[in-house]
Amino acid sequence: MSIVDEKLMVKLRESGVEAALIPGFIRSLANAFLINPEMSPYQANRRLKYLGWDDVEIDYHTLQLAINSLEIKGLKRLEYKSAPWYINSYNPVDSKRKQKVLELQVAS
């Protein structure tokens, strides 16, 4: 998992996405991004709420991290795939350890 992905995981958890739901959230965001690659955070949040993510609101920086992560993976390859494409590289337990390391680095 890249540093961009790790930072994205931290930002998503801070935004209220439970660790186990992150792959599904990323899939929803990828599908929304495919519909409108130039969407603003406001448009992204509207689309995500339409898809059922009512309790989550992402900011500009989180959206940019997600876009960067998705572009690195190649968006066309991901079009309308199910969540397992992201699950394969995501381990919530390992991610929590990495989050603590990132938090310690930021605090220093």
PDB file of N, CA and C in Angstrom:
ATOM      1  N   MET A   1       0.849  -1.167   0.000  1.00  0.00           N
ATOM      2  CA  MET A   1       0.000   0.000   0.000  1.00  0.00           C
ATOM      3  C   MET A   1       0.897   1.232   0.000  1.00  0.00           C
ATOM      4  N   SER A   2       0.587   2.174  -0.852  1.00  0.00           N
ATOM      5  CA  SER A   2       1.410   3.379  -0.985  1.00  0.00           C
ATOM      6  C   SER A   2       1.128   4.359   0.149  1.00  0.00           C
ATOM      7  N   ILE A   3       1.998   5.340   0.292  1.00  0.00           N
ATOM      8  CA  ILE A   3       1.823   6.379   1.308  1.00  0.00           C
ATOM      9  C   ILE A   3       0.540   7.170   1.046  1.00  0.00           C
ATOM     10  N   VAL A   4       0.194   7.363  -0.227  1.00  0.00           N
ATOM     11  CA  VAL A   4      -1.057   8.057  -0.574  1.00  0.00           C
ATOM     12  C   VAL A   4      -2.248   7.259  -0.046  1.00  0.00           C
ATOM     13  N   ASP A   5      -2.227   5.942  -0.251  1.00  0.00           N
ATOM     14  CA  ASP A   5      -3.311   5.090   0.237  1.00  0.00           C
ATOM     15  C   ASP A   5      -3.398   5.136   1.761  1.00  0.00           C
ATOM     16  N   GLU A   6      -2.249   5.106   2.423  1.00  0.00           N
ATOM     17  CA  GLU A   6      -2.230   5.145   3.882  1.00  0.00           C
ATOM     18  C   GLU A   6      -2.815   6.454   4.402  1.00  0.00           C
ATOM     19  N   LYS A   7      -2.419   7.562   3.802  1.00  0.00           N
ATOM     20  CA  LYS A   7      -2.956   8.860   4.225  1.00  0.00           C
ATOM     21  C   LYS A   7      -4.452   8.937   3.939  1.00  0.00           C
ATOM     22  N   LEU A   8      -4.873   8.368   2.817  1.00  0.00           N
ATOM     23  CA  LEU A   8      -6.294   8.345   2.483  1.00  0.00           C
ATOM     24  C   LEU A   8      -7.077   7.566   3.537  1.00  0.00           C
ATOM     25  N   MET A   9      -6.550   6.417   3.968  1.00  0.00           N
ATOM     26  CA  MET A   9      -7.223   5.616   4.993  1.00  0.00           C
ATOM     27  C   MET A   9      -7.395   6.418   6.284  1.00  0.00           C
ATOM     28  N   VAL A  10      -6.342   7.132   6.679  1.00  0.00           N
ATOM     29  CA  VAL A  10      -6.404   7.953   7.895  1.00  0.00           C
ATOM     30  C   VAL A  10      -7.483   9.021   7.747  1.00  0.00           C
ATOM     31  N   LYS A  11      -7.477   9.729   6.613  1.00  0.00           N
ATOM     32  CA  LYS A  11      -8.456  10.803   6.388  1.00  0.00           C
ATOM     33  C   LYS A  11      -9.890  10.253   6.354  1.00  0.00           C
ATOM     34  N   LEU A  12     -10.079   9.091   5.751  1.00  0.00           N
ATOM     35  CA  LEU A  12     -11.422   8.518   5.687  1.00  0.00           C
ATOM     36  C   LEU A  12     -11.916   8.115   7.070  1.00  0.00           C
ATOM     37  N   ARG A  13     -11.030   7.533   7.890  1.00  0.00           N
ATOM     38  CA  ARG A  13     -11.433   7.189   9.258  1.00  0.00           C
ATOM     39  C   ARG A  13     -11.768   8.449  10.046  1.00  0.00           C
ATOM     40  N   GLU A  14     -10.982   9.510   9.835  1.00  0.00           N
ATOM     41  CA  GLU A  14     -11.274  10.786  10.503  1.00  0.00           C
ATOM     42  C   GLU A  14     -12.611  11.362  10.034  1.00  0.00           C
ATOM     43  N   SER A  15     -12.997  11.061   8.799  1.00  0.00           N
ATOM     44  CA  SER A  15     -14.263  11.560   8.239  1.00  0.00           C
ATOM     45  C   SER A  15     -15.461  10.722   8.666  1.00  0.00           C
ATOM     46  N   GLY A  16     -15.206   9.619   9.367  1.00  0.00           N
ATOM     47  CA  GLY A  16     -16.302   8.809   9.878  1.00  0.00           C
ATOM     48  C   GLY A  16     -16.535   7.487   9.182  1.00  0.00           C
ATOM     49  N   VAL A  17     -15.649   7.085   8.280  1.00  0.00           N
ATOM     50  CA  VAL A  17     -15.805   5.796   7.603  1.00  0.00           C
ATOM     51  C   VAL A  17     -15.149   4.723   8.466  1.00  0.00           C
ATOM     52  N   GLU A  18     -15.916   3.712   8.848  1.00  0.00           N
ATOM     53  CA  GLU A  18     -15.354   2.614   9.628  1.00  0.00           C
ATOM     54  C   GLU A  18     -14.350   1.854   8.766  1.00  0.00           C
ATOM     55  N   ALA A  19     -13.309   1.335   9.416  1.00  0.00           N
ATOM     56  CA  ALA A  19     -12.231   0.657   8.690  1.00  0.00           C
ATOM     57  C   ALA A  19     -12.754  -0.461   7.787  1.00  0.00           C
ATOM     58  N   ALA A  20     -13.705  -1.235   8.271  1.00  0.00           N
ATOM     59  CA  ALA A  20     -14.225  -2.357   7.485  1.00  0.00           C
ATOM     60  C   ALA A  20     -15.025  -1.898   6.265  1.00  0.00           C
ATOM     61  N   LEU A  21     -15.499  -0.649   6.272  1.00  0.00           N
ATOM     62  CA  LEU A  21     -16.321  -0.141   5.171  1.00  0.00           C
ATOM     63  C   LEU A  21     -15.524   0.645   4.133  1.00  0.00           C
ATOM     64  N   ILE A  22     -14.244   0.878   4.392  1.00  0.00           N
ATOM     65  CA  ILE A  22     -13.432   1.692   3.484  1.00  0.00           C
ATOM     66  C   ILE A  22     -13.406   1.140   2.057  1.00  0.00           C
ATOM     67  N   PRO A  23     -13.208  -0.164   1.841  1.00  0.00           N
ATOM     68  CA  PRO A  23     -13.196  -0.647   0.445  1.00  0.00           C
ATOM     69  C   PRO A  23     -14.486  -0.344  -0.314  1.00  0.00           C
ATOM     70  N   GLY A  24     -15.632  -0.514   0.330  1.00  0.00           N
ATOM     71  CA  GLY A  24     -16.903  -0.199  -0.323  1.00  0.00           C
ATOM     72  C   GLY A  24     -17.062   1.287  -0.582  1.00  0.00           C
ATOM     73  N   PHE A  25     -16.584   2.104   0.362  1.00  0.00           N
ATOM     74  CA  PHE A  25     -16.647   3.553   0.184  1.00  0.00           C
ATOM     75  C   PHE A  25     -15.785   3.974  -1.002  1.00  0.00           C
ATOM     76  N   ILE A  26     -14.586   3.411  -1.097  1.00  0.00           N
ATOM     77  CA  ILE A  26     -13.684   3.727  -2.214  1.00  0.00           C
ATOM     78  C   ILE A  26     -14.324   3.314  -3.537  1.00  0.00           C
ATOM     79  N   ARG A  27     -14.978   2.154  -3.547  1.00  0.00           N
ATOM     80  CA  ARG A  27     -15.662   1.709  -4.769  1.00  0.00           C
ATOM     81  C   ARG A  27     -16.738   2.710  -5.173  1.00  0.00           C
ATOM     82  N   SER A  28     -17.531   3.170  -4.205  1.00  0.00           N
ATOM     83  CA  SER A  28     -18.574   4.162  -4.496  1.00  0.00           C
ATOM     84  C   SER A  28     -17.966   5.453  -5.015  1.00  0.00           C
ATOM     85  N   LEU A  29     -16.876   5.872  -4.399  1.00  0.00           N
ATOM     86  CA  LEU A  29     -16.204   7.093  -4.828  1.00  0.00           C
ATOM     87  C   LEU A  29     -15.618   6.930  -6.229  1.00  0.00           C
ATOM     88  N   ALA A  30     -15.050   5.763  -6.519  1.00  0.00           N
ATOM     89  CA  ALA A  30     -14.495   5.506  -7.853  1.00  0.00           C
ATOM     90  C   ALA A  30     -15.588   5.571  -8.914  1.00  0.00           C
ATOM     91  N   ASN A  31     -16.731   4.967  -8.627  1.00  0.00           N
ATOM     92  CA  ASN A  31     -17.833   4.998  -9.590  1.00  0.00           C
ATOM     93  C   ASN A  31     -18.355   6.413  -9.784  1.00  0.00           C
ATOM     94  N   ALA A  32     -18.421   7.195  -8.705  1.00  0.00           N
ATOM     95  CA  ALA A  32     -18.849   8.596  -8.820  1.00  0.00           C
ATOM     96  C   ALA A  32     -17.842   9.393  -9.640  1.00  0.00           C
ATOM     97  N   PHE A  33     -16.563   9.136  -9.422  1.00  0.00           N
ATOM     98  CA  PHE A  33     -15.506   9.843 -10.138  1.00  0.00           C
ATOM     99  C   PHE A  33     -15.534   9.514 -11.626  1.00  0.00           C
ATOM    100  N   LEU A  34     -15.885   8.274 -11.961  1.00  0.00           N
ATOM    101  CA  LEU A  34     -15.978   7.885 -13.373  1.00  0.00           C
ATOM    102  C   LEU A  34     -17.099   8.642 -14.083  1.00  0.00           C
ATOM    103  N   ILE A  35     -18.169   8.939 -13.356  1.00  0.00           N
ATOM    104  CA  ILE A  35     -19.290   9.681 -13.932  1.00  0.00           C
ATOM    105  C   ILE A  35     -18.910  11.136 -14.154  1.00  0.00           C
ATOM    106  N   ASN A  36     -18.179  11.717 -13.177  1.00  0.00           N
ATOM    107  CA  ASN A  36     -17.804  13.131 -13.261  1.00  0.00           C
ATOM    108  C   ASN A  36     -16.393  13.325 -12.713  1.00  0.00           C
ATOM    109  N   PRO A  37     -15.361  13.185 -13.556  1.00  0.00           N
ATOM    110  CA  PRO A  37     -13.978  13.301 -13.092  1.00  0.00           C
ATOM    111  C   PRO A  37     -13.609  14.679 -12.541  1.00  0.00           C
ATOM    112  N   GLU A  38     -14.380  15.695 -12.857  1.00  0.00           N
ATOM    113  CA  GLU A  38     -14.072  17.058 -12.404  1.00  0.00           C
ATOM    114  C   GLU A  38     -14.923  17.477 -11.207  1.00  0.00           C
ATOM    115  N   MET A  39     -15.504  16.518 -10.500  1.00  0.00           N
ATOM    116  CA  MET A  39     -16.429  16.875  -9.425  1.00  0.00           C
ATOM    117  C   MET A  39     -15.734  17.576  -8.262  1.00  0.00           C
ATOM    118  N   SER A  40     -16.474  18.464  -7.645  1.00  0.00           N
ATOM    119  CA  SER A  40     -16.002  19.187  -6.464  1.00  0.00           C
ATOM    120  C   SER A  40     -16.314  18.337  -5.230  1.00  0.00           C
ATOM    121  N   PRO A  41     -15.742  18.690  -4.075  1.00  0.00           N
ATOM    122  CA  PRO A  41     -16.103  17.962  -2.850  1.00  0.00           C
ATOM    123  C   PRO A  41     -17.614  18.000  -2.583  1.00  0.00           C
ATOM    124  N   TYR A  42     -18.243  19.147  -2.863  1.00  0.00           N
ATOM    125  CA  TYR A  42     -19.690  19.257  -2.674  1.00  0.00           C
ATOM    126  C   TYR A  42     -20.423  18.237  -3.552  1.00  0.00           C
ATOM    127  N   GLN A  43     -20.035  18.146  -4.819  1.00  0.00           N
ATOM    128  CA  GLN A  43     -20.668  17.199  -5.739  1.00  0.00           C
ATOM    129  C   GLN A  43     -20.383  15.758  -5.315  1.00  0.00           C
ATOM    130  N   ALA A  44     -19.156  15.505  -4.867  1.00  0.00           N
ATOM    131  CA  ALA A  44     -18.796  14.160  -4.409  1.00  0.00           C
ATOM    132  C   ALA A  44     -19.653  13.768  -3.209  1.00  0.00           C
ATOM    133  N   ASN A  45     -19.794  14.680  -2.258  1.00  0.00           N
ATOM    134  CA  ASN A  45     -20.603  14.390  -1.075  1.00  0.00           C
ATOM    135  C   ASN A  45     -22.071  14.167  -1.432  1.00  0.00           C
ATOM    136  N   ARG A  46     -22.602  14.953  -2.367  1.00  0.00           N
ATOM    137  CA  ARG A  46     -23.991  14.752  -2.816  1.00  0.00           C
ATOM    138  C   ARG A  46     -24.158  13.368  -3.428  1.00  0.00           C
ATOM    139  N   ARG A  47     -23.207  12.991  -4.280  1.00  0.00           N
ATOM    140  CA  ARG A  47     -23.275  11.683  -4.940  1.00  0.00           C
ATOM    141  C   ARG A  47     -23.158  10.553  -3.914  1.00  0.00           C
ATOM    142  N   LEU A  48     -22.235  10.710  -2.963  1.00  0.00           N
ATOM    143  CA  LEU A  48     -22.048   9.682  -1.940  1.00  0.00           C
ATOM    144  C   LEU A  48     -23.292   9.550  -1.056  1.00  0.00           C
ATOM    145  N   LYS A  49     -23.925  10.664  -0.726  1.00  0.00           N
ATOM    146  CA  LYS A  49     -25.169  10.612   0.056  1.00  0.00           C
ATOM    147  C   LYS A  49     -26.261   9.893  -0.745  1.00  0.00           C
ATOM    148  N   TYR A  50     -26.320  10.142  -2.044  1.00  0.00           N
ATOM    149  CA  TYR A  50     -27.274   9.467  -2.917  1.00  0.00           C
ATOM    150  C   TYR A  50     -27.042   7.954  -2.898  1.00  0.00           C
ATOM    151  N   LEU A  51     -25.778   7.550  -2.761  1.00  0.00           N
ATOM    152  CA  LEU A  51     -25.423   6.135  -2.743  1.00  0.00           C
ATOM    153  C   LEU A  51     -25.548   5.517  -1.352  1.00  0.00           C
ATOM    154  N   GLY A  52     -25.958   6.330  -0.354  1.00  0.00           N
ATOM    155  CA  GLY A  52     -26.197   5.785   0.978  1.00  0.00           C
ATOM    156  C   GLY A  52     -25.162   6.130   2.033  1.00  0.00           C
ATOM    157  N   TRP A  53     -24.166   6.904   1.680  1.00  0.00           N
ATOM    158  CA  TRP A  53     -23.118   7.289   2.632  1.00  0.00           C
ATOM    159  C   TRP A  53     -23.517   8.600   3.320  1.00  0.00           C
ATOM    160  N   ASP A  54     -24.616   8.562   4.072  1.00  0.00           N
ATOM    161  CA  ASP A  54     -25.176   9.768   4.685  1.00  0.00           C
ATOM    162  C   ASP A  54     -24.313  10.356   5.795  1.00  0.00           C
ATOM    163  N   ASP A  55     -23.619   9.516   6.540  1.00  0.00           N
ATOM    164  CA  ASP A  55     -22.870   9.980   7.712  1.00  0.00           C
ATOM    165  C   ASP A  55     -21.446  10.409   7.398  1.00  0.00           C
ATOM    166  N   VAL A  56     -21.072  10.393   6.140  1.00  0.00           N
ATOM    167  CA  VAL A  56     -19.690  10.697   5.760  1.00  0.00           C
ATOM    168  C   VAL A  56     -19.657  11.962   4.914  1.00  0.00           C
ATOM    169  N   GLU A  57     -18.737  12.849   5.240  1.00  0.00           N
ATOM    170  CA  GLU A  57     -18.528  14.045   4.425  1.00  0.00           C
ATOM    171  C   GLU A  57     -17.020  14.201   4.218  1.00  0.00           C
ATOM    172  N   ILE A  58     -16.605  14.232   2.962  1.00  0.00           N
ATOM    173  CA  ILE A  58     -15.176  14.364   2.682  1.00  0.00           C
ATOM    174  C   ILE A  58     -14.853  15.802   2.303  1.00  0.00           C
ATOM    175  N   ASP A  59     -13.635  16.200   2.633  1.00  0.00           N
ATOM    176  CA  ASP A  59     -13.190  17.554   2.306  1.00  0.00           C
ATOM    177  C   ASP A  59     -12.340  17.526   1.033  1.00  0.00           C
ATOM    178  N   TYR A  60     -11.872  18.687   0.631  1.00  0.00           N
ATOM    179  CA  TYR A  60     -11.082  18.827  -0.596  1.00  0.00           C
ATOM    180  C   TYR A  60      -9.841  17.934  -0.569  1.00  0.00           C
ATOM    181  N   HIS A  61      -9.118  17.935   0.557  1.00  0.00           N
ATOM    182  CA  HIS A  61      -7.861  17.179   0.631  1.00  0.00           C
ATOM    183  C   HIS A  61      -8.107  15.670   0.555  1.00  0.00           C
ATOM    184  N   THR A  62      -9.168  15.207   1.216  1.00  0.00           N
ATOM    185  CA  THR A  62      -9.503  13.784   1.152  1.00  0.00           C
ATOM    186  C   THR A  62      -9.891  13.393  -0.269  1.00  0.00           C
ATOM    187  N   LEU A  63     -10.660  14.241  -0.932  1.00  0.00           N
ATOM    188  CA  LEU A  63     -11.046  13.970  -2.320  1.00  0.00           C
ATOM    189  C   LEU A  63      -9.813  13.908  -3.216  1.00  0.00           C
ATOM    190  N   GLN A  64      -8.871  14.811  -3.030  1.00  0.00           N
ATOM    191  CA  GLN A  64      -7.660  14.811  -3.850  1.00  0.00           C
ATOM    192  C   GLN A  64      -6.811  13.567  -3.597  1.00  0.00           C
ATOM    193  N   LEU A  65      -6.712  13.136  -2.333  1.00  0.00           N
ATOM    194  CA  LEU A  65      -5.996  11.891  -2.033  1.00  0.00           C
ATOM    195  C   LEU A  65      -6.677  10.709  -2.720  1.00  0.00           C
ATOM    196  N   ALA A  66      -8.003  10.673  -2.669  1.00  0.00           N
ATOM    197  CA  ALA A  66      -8.744   9.579  -3.300  1.00  0.00           C
ATOM    198  C   ALA A  66      -8.545   9.580  -4.811  1.00  0.00           C
ATOM    199  N   ILE A  67      -8.623  10.750  -5.416  1.00  0.00           N
ATOM    200  CA  ILE A  67      -8.424  10.855  -6.865  1.00  0.00           C
ATOM    201  C   ILE A  67      -7.024  10.394  -7.242  1.00  0.00           C
ATOM    202  N   ASN A  68      -6.032  10.833  -6.474  1.00  0.00           N
ATOM    203  CA  ASN A  68      -4.652  10.428  -6.737  1.00  0.00           C
ATOM    204  C   ASN A  68      -4.509   8.916  -6.615  1.00  0.00           C
ATOM    205  N   SER A  69      -5.059   8.352  -5.563  1.00  0.00           N
ATOM    206  CA  SER A  69      -4.988   6.910  -5.349  1.00  0.00           C
ATOM    207  C   SER A  69      -5.663   6.153  -6.487  1.00  0.00           C
ATOM    208  N   LEU A  70      -6.837   6.614  -6.895  1.00  0.00           N
ATOM    209  CA  LEU A  70      -7.566   5.945  -7.975  1.00  0.00           C
ATOM    210  C   LEU A  70      -6.852   6.082  -9.313  1.00  0.00           C
ATOM    211  N   GLU A  71      -6.271   7.246  -9.575  1.00  0.00           N
ATOM    212  CA  GLU A  71      -5.556   7.441 -10.840  1.00  0.00           C
ATOM    213  C   GLU A  71      -4.302   6.580 -10.900  1.00  0.00           C
ATOM    214  N   ILE A  72      -3.630   6.419  -9.772  1.00  0.00           N
ATOM    215  CA  ILE A  72      -2.446   5.554  -9.729  1.00  0.00           C
ATOM    216  C   ILE A  72      -2.841   4.123 -10.092  1.00  0.00           C
ATOM    217  N   LYS A  73      -3.987   3.675  -9.600  1.00  0.00           N
ATOM    218  CA  LYS A  73      -4.434   2.305  -9.854  1.00  0.00           C
ATOM    219  C   LYS A  73      -5.000   2.137 -11.259  1.00  0.00           C
ATOM    220  N   GLY A  74      -5.313   3.228 -11.925  1.00  0.00           N
ATOM    221  CA  GLY A  74      -5.862   3.154 -13.276  1.00  0.00           C
ATOM    222  C   GLY A  74      -7.367   3.050 -13.243  1.00  0.00           C
ATOM    223  N   LEU A  75      -8.044   4.175 -13.309  1.00  0.00           N
ATOM    224  CA  LEU A  75      -9.498   4.212 -13.143  1.00  0.00           C
ATOM    225  C   LEU A  75     -10.257   3.323 -14.118  1.00  0.00           C
ATOM    226  N   LYS A  76      -9.857   3.275 -15.356  1.00  0.00           N
ATOM    227  CA  LYS A  76     -10.608   2.485 -16.341  1.00  0.00           C
ATOM    228  C   LYS A  76     -10.614   1.005 -15.967  1.00  0.00           C
ATOM    229  N   ARG A  77      -9.523   0.533 -15.359  1.00  0.00           N
ATOM    230  CA  ARG A  77      -9.487  -0.859 -14.921  1.00  0.00           C
ATOM    231  C   ARG A  77     -10.485  -1.118 -13.796  1.00  0.00           C
ATOM    232  N   LEU A  78     -10.817  -0.067 -13.034  1.00  0.00           N
ATOM    233  CA  LEU A  78     -11.642  -0.229 -11.843  1.00  0.00           C
ATOM    234  C   LEU A  78     -13.122  -0.033 -12.107  1.00  0.00           C
ATOM    235  N   GLU A  79     -13.473   0.352 -13.303  1.00  0.00           N
ATOM    236  CA  GLU A  79     -14.848   0.736 -13.606  1.00  0.00           C
ATOM    237  C   GLU A  79     -15.848  -0.337 -13.173  1.00  0.00           C
ATOM    238  N   TYR A  80     -16.719   0.047 -12.262  1.00  0.00           N
ATOM    239  CA  TYR A  80     -17.805  -0.783 -11.756  1.00  0.00           C
ATOM    240  C   TYR A  80     -17.357  -2.141 -11.237  1.00  0.00           C
ATOM    241  N   LYS A  81     -16.175  -2.192 -10.682  1.00  0.00           N
ATOM    242  CA  LYS A  81     -15.732  -3.418 -10.031  1.00  0.00           C
ATOM    243  C   LYS A  81     -16.307  -3.466  -8.629  1.00  0.00           C
ATOM    244  N   SER A  82     -16.357  -4.667  -8.086  1.00  0.00           N
ATOM    245  CA  SER A  82     -16.815  -4.806  -6.710  1.00  0.00           C
ATOM    246  C   SER A  82     -15.675  -4.447  -5.759  1.00  0.00           C
ATOM    247  N   ALA A  83     -15.972  -4.385  -4.487  1.00  0.00           N
ATOM    248  CA  ALA A  83     -15.004  -3.937  -3.482  1.00  0.00           C
ATOM    249  C   ALA A  83     -13.727  -4.774  -3.397  1.00  0.00           C
ATOM    250  N   PRO A  84     -13.710  -6.072  -3.714  1.00  0.00           N
ATOM    251  CA  PRO A  84     -12.489  -6.850  -3.501  1.00  0.00           C
ATOM    252  C   PRO A  84     -11.225  -6.308  -4.161  1.00  0.00           C
ATOM    253  N   TRP A  85     -11.316  -5.541  -5.231  1.00  0.00           N
ATOM    254  CA  TRP A  85     -10.096  -4.993  -5.843  1.00  0.00           C
ATOM    255  C   TRP A  85      -9.349  -4.111  -4.861  1.00  0.00           C
ATOM    256  N   TYR A  86     -10.051  -3.463  -3.949  1.00  0.00           N
ATOM    257  CA  TYR A  86      -9.378  -2.606  -2.972  1.00  0.00           C
ATOM    258  C   TYR A  86      -9.076  -3.374  -1.696  1.00  0.00           C
ATOM    259  N   ILE A  87      -9.898  -4.365  -1.380  1.00  0.00           N
ATOM    260  CA  ILE A  87      -9.695  -5.160  -0.173  1.00  0.00           C
ATOM    261  C   ILE A  87      -8.371  -5.900  -0.240  1.00  0.00           C
ATOM    262  N   ASN A  88      -7.993  -6.372  -1.415  1.00  0.00           N
ATOM    263  CA  ASN A  88      -6.761  -7.142  -1.552  1.00  0.00           C
ATOM    264  C   ASN A  88      -5.545  -6.406  -1.028  1.00  0.00           C
ATOM    265  N   SER A  89      -5.545  -5.086  -1.105  1.00  0.00           N
ATOM    266  CA  SER A  89      -4.379  -4.332  -0.647  1.00  0.00           C
ATOM    267  C   SER A  89      -4.641  -3.616   0.672  1.00  0.00           C
ATOM    268  N   TYR A  90      -5.772  -3.907   1.319  1.00  0.00           N
ATOM    269  CA  TYR A  90      -6.135  -3.186   2.539  1.00  0.00           C
ATOM    270  C   TYR A  90      -6.374  -4.154   3.685  1.00  0.00           C
ATOM    271  N   ASN A  91      -5.645  -3.958   4.760  1.00  0.00           N
ATOM    272  CA  ASN A  91      -5.803  -4.743   5.970  1.00  0.00           C
ATOM    273  C   ASN A  91      -6.053  -3.771   7.116  1.00  0.00           C
ATOM    274  N   PRO A  92      -7.274  -3.720   7.688  1.00  0.00           N
ATOM    275  CA  PRO A  92      -7.577  -2.731   8.724  1.00  0.00           C
ATOM    276  C   PRO A  92      -6.650  -2.802   9.930  1.00  0.00           C
ATOM    277  N   VAL A  93      -6.247  -4.005  10.338  1.00  0.00           N
ATOM    278  CA  VAL A  93      -5.364  -4.131  11.502  1.00  0.00           C
ATOM    279  C   VAL A  93      -4.010  -3.529  11.193  1.00  0.00           C
ATOM    280  N   ASP A  94      -3.439  -3.897  10.051  1.00  0.00           N
ATOM    281  CA  ASP A  94      -2.148  -3.353   9.640  1.00  0.00           C
ATOM    282  C   ASP A  94      -2.249  -1.847   9.429  1.00  0.00           C
ATOM    283  N   SER A  95      -3.372  -1.408   8.902  1.00  0.00           N
ATOM    284  CA  SER A  95      -3.578   0.013   8.643  1.00  0.00           C
ATOM    285  C   SER A  95      -3.627   0.814   9.939  1.00  0.00           C
ATOM    286  N   LYS A  96      -4.189   0.247  11.003  1.00  0.00           N
ATOM    287  CA  LYS A  96      -4.236   0.946  12.294  1.00  0.00           C
ATOM    288  C   LYS A  96      -2.823   1.158  12.833  1.00  0.00           C
ATOM    289  N   ARG A  97      -1.964   0.149  12.672  1.00  0.00           N
ATOM    290  CA  ARG A  97      -0.565   0.302  13.099  1.00  0.00           C
ATOM    291  C   ARG A  97       0.110   1.417  12.316  1.00  0.00           C
ATOM    292  N   LYS A  98      -0.107   1.427  11.013  1.00  0.00           N
ATOM    293  CA  LYS A  98       0.499   2.457  10.168  1.00  0.00           C
ATOM    294  C   LYS A  98      -0.053   3.830  10.511  1.00  0.00           C
ATOM    295  N   GLN A  99      -1.342   3.901  10.887  1.00  0.00           N
ATOM    296  CA  GLN A  99      -1.934   5.179  11.275  1.00  0.00           C
ATOM    297  C   GLN A  99      -1.235   5.727  12.509  1.00  0.00           C
ATOM    298  N   LYS A 100      -0.957   4.864  13.482  1.00  0.00           N
ATOM    299  CA  LYS A 100      -0.266   5.313  14.690  1.00  0.00           C
ATOM    300  C   LYS A 100       1.117   5.845  14.348  1.00  0.00           C
ATOM    301  N   VAL A 101       1.816   5.172  13.440  1.00  0.00           N
ATOM    302  CA  VAL A 101       3.138   5.632  13.015  1.00  0.00           C
ATOM    303  C   VAL A 101       3.021   6.991  12.337  1.00  0.00           C
ATOM    304  N   LEU A 102       2.042   7.152  11.437  1.00  0.00           N
ATOM    305  CA  LEU A 102       1.836   8.439  10.762  1.00  0.00           C
ATOM    306  C   LEU A 102       1.508   9.542  11.756  1.00  0.00           C
ATOM    307  N   GLU A 103       0.667   9.228  12.752  1.00  0.00           N
ATOM    308  CA  GLU A 103       0.312  10.226  13.759  1.00  0.00           C
ATOM    309  C   GLU A 103       1.530  10.642  14.569  1.00  0.00           C
ATOM    310  N   LEU A 104       2.386   9.674  14.895  1.00  0.00           N
ATOM    311  CA  LEU A 104       3.610   9.994  15.637  1.00  0.00           C
ATOM    312  C   LEU A 104       4.549  10.847  14.797  1.00  0.00           C
ATOM    313  N   GLN A 105       4.623  10.562  13.494  1.00  0.00           N
ATOM    314  CA  GLN A 105       5.479  11.353  12.612  1.00  0.00           C
ATOM    315  C   GLN A 105       4.966  12.775  12.495  1.00  0.00           C
ATOM    316  N   VAL A 106       3.658  12.938  12.404  1.00  0.00           N
ATOM    317  CA  VAL A 106       3.068  14.271  12.293  1.00  0.00           C
ATOM    318  C   VAL A 106       3.274  15.047  13.590  1.00  0.00           C
ATOM    319  N   ALA A 107       3.159  14.355  14.731  1.00  0.00           N
ATOM    320  CA  ALA A 107       3.305  15.011  16.031  1.00  0.00           C
ATOM    321  C   ALA A 107       4.741  15.457  16.299  1.00  0.00           C
ATOM    322  N   SER A 108       5.724  14.813  15.658  1.00  0.00           N
ATOM    323  CA  SER A 108       7.131  15.162  15.913  1.00  0.00           C
ATOM    324  C   SER A 108       7.534  16.436  15.242  1.00  0.00           C
TER     325      SER A 108
END
